[in-house]
Amino acid sequence: MIDVLYFAWVRERIGLPKEQIETQAATVADLVTELIAREDRYAAAFADLTALRVAVDQELSDFTAPLAGVREVAFFPPMTGG
């Protein structure tokens, strides 16, 4: 079971701040593929992966990161300075 967290417009498109997911995904990219297959709202949120960042167990990562032993995956837009 993995906790999946959504922030900013990702959360708005999916309609949830977080959820627990039972997954067989080997990587973050595989997890995204599973999510997109669920419902249109996930497809909308993950339509452009270049507009997203991912953290695995609270460490900035990328979509090729393995999920073995991972407890949390978070998706969010890139941070902007200011």
Protein backbone atom coordinates (compact mmCIF):
# COMPACT_ATOMS: atom_id res chain seq x y z
CA MET A 1 0.00 0.00 0.00
CA ILE A 2 1.39 3.38 -1.02
CA ASP A 3 0.19 6.82 0.09
CA VAL A 4 -0.18 9.03 -2.98
CA LEU A 5 -0.34 12.77 -2.35
CA TYR A 6 -1.49 15.44 -4.80
CA PHE A 7 -0.69 19.15 -4.51
CA ALA A 8 -1.85 22.41 -6.14
CA TRP A 9 -3.62 21.99 -9.50
CA VAL A 10 -2.96 18.23 -9.49
CA ARG A 11 -5.14 17.96 -6.38
CA GLU A 12 -7.77 20.21 -7.97
CA ARG A 13 -8.02 18.04 -11.10
CA ILE A 14 -8.15 14.75 -9.22
CA GLY A 15 -10.35 16.07 -6.42
CA LEU A 16 -8.39 14.45 -3.59
CA PRO A 17 -5.45 15.61 -1.45
CA LYS A 18 -4.27 12.01 -0.96
CA GLU A 19 -5.25 8.39 -1.22
CA GLN A 20 -3.87 4.96 -0.42
CA ILE A 21 -3.27 2.79 -3.45
CA GLU A 22 -2.63 -0.91 -3.75
CA THR A 23 -0.30 -1.19 -6.73
CA GLN A 24 1.93 -3.64 -8.54
CA ALA A 25 3.75 -0.76 -10.27
CA ALA A 26 7.53 -1.13 -10.43
CA THR A 27 8.26 2.56 -11.05
CA VAL A 28 6.60 5.94 -10.62
CA ALA A 29 5.86 5.94 -14.37
CA ASP A 30 4.07 2.60 -14.02
CA LEU A 31 2.02 4.04 -11.15
CA VAL A 32 1.03 7.02 -13.31
CA THR A 33 -0.05 4.61 -16.08
CA GLU A 34 -2.24 2.74 -13.57
CA LEU A 35 -3.77 6.00 -12.32
CA ILE A 36 -4.50 7.29 -15.82
CA ALA A 37 -6.34 4.05 -16.60
CA ARG A 38 -8.65 4.57 -13.59
CA GLU A 39 -10.65 7.65 -14.62
CA ASP A 40 -10.58 10.71 -16.86
CA ARG A 41 -9.74 13.01 -13.95
CA TYR A 42 -6.39 11.21 -13.51
CA ALA A 43 -5.75 11.38 -17.25
CA ALA A 44 -6.34 15.14 -17.08
CA ALA A 45 -3.98 15.56 -14.13
CA PHE A 46 -1.20 13.50 -15.72
CA ALA A 47 -1.67 14.64 -19.33
CA ASP A 48 1.66 16.52 -19.40
CA LEU A 49 4.30 14.90 -17.22
CA THR A 50 6.79 17.64 -18.10
CA ALA A 51 4.59 19.96 -16.00
CA LEU A 52 4.89 17.70 -12.95
CA ARG A 53 7.47 16.89 -10.33
CA VAL A 54 7.48 13.82 -8.10
CA ALA A 55 8.83 13.08 -4.65
CA VAL A 56 9.34 9.54 -3.39
CA ASP A 57 9.36 9.22 0.40
CA GLN A 58 9.75 13.02 0.58
CA GLU A 59 12.81 13.14 -1.68
CA LEU A 60 12.68 14.82 -5.09
CA SER A 61 12.89 12.08 -7.68
CA ASP A 62 11.89 11.30 -11.25
CA PHE A 63 9.39 9.10 -13.01
CA THR A 64 11.88 6.24 -13.44
CA ALA A 65 12.27 5.85 -9.65
CA PRO A 66 11.56 2.34 -8.38
CA LEU A 67 8.68 1.85 -5.95
CA ALA A 68 9.97 -1.20 -4.07
CA GLY A 69 9.69 -0.43 -0.35
CA VAL A 70 8.30 3.06 -0.96
CA ARG A 71 5.66 4.36 1.45
CA GLU A 72 4.76 7.70 -0.15
CA VAL A 73 4.68 9.28 -3.62
CA ALA A 74 3.77 12.94 -4.06
CA PHE A 75 2.92 14.76 -7.30
CA PHE A 76 3.14 18.54 -7.62
CA PRO A 77 3.88 21.30 -10.14
CA PRO A 78 7.41 22.74 -10.28
CA MET A 79 8.21 25.25 -7.57
CA THR A 80 8.49 28.85 -8.68
CA GLY A 81 10.79 31.39 -7.13
CA GLY A 82 9.80 34.74 -5.81
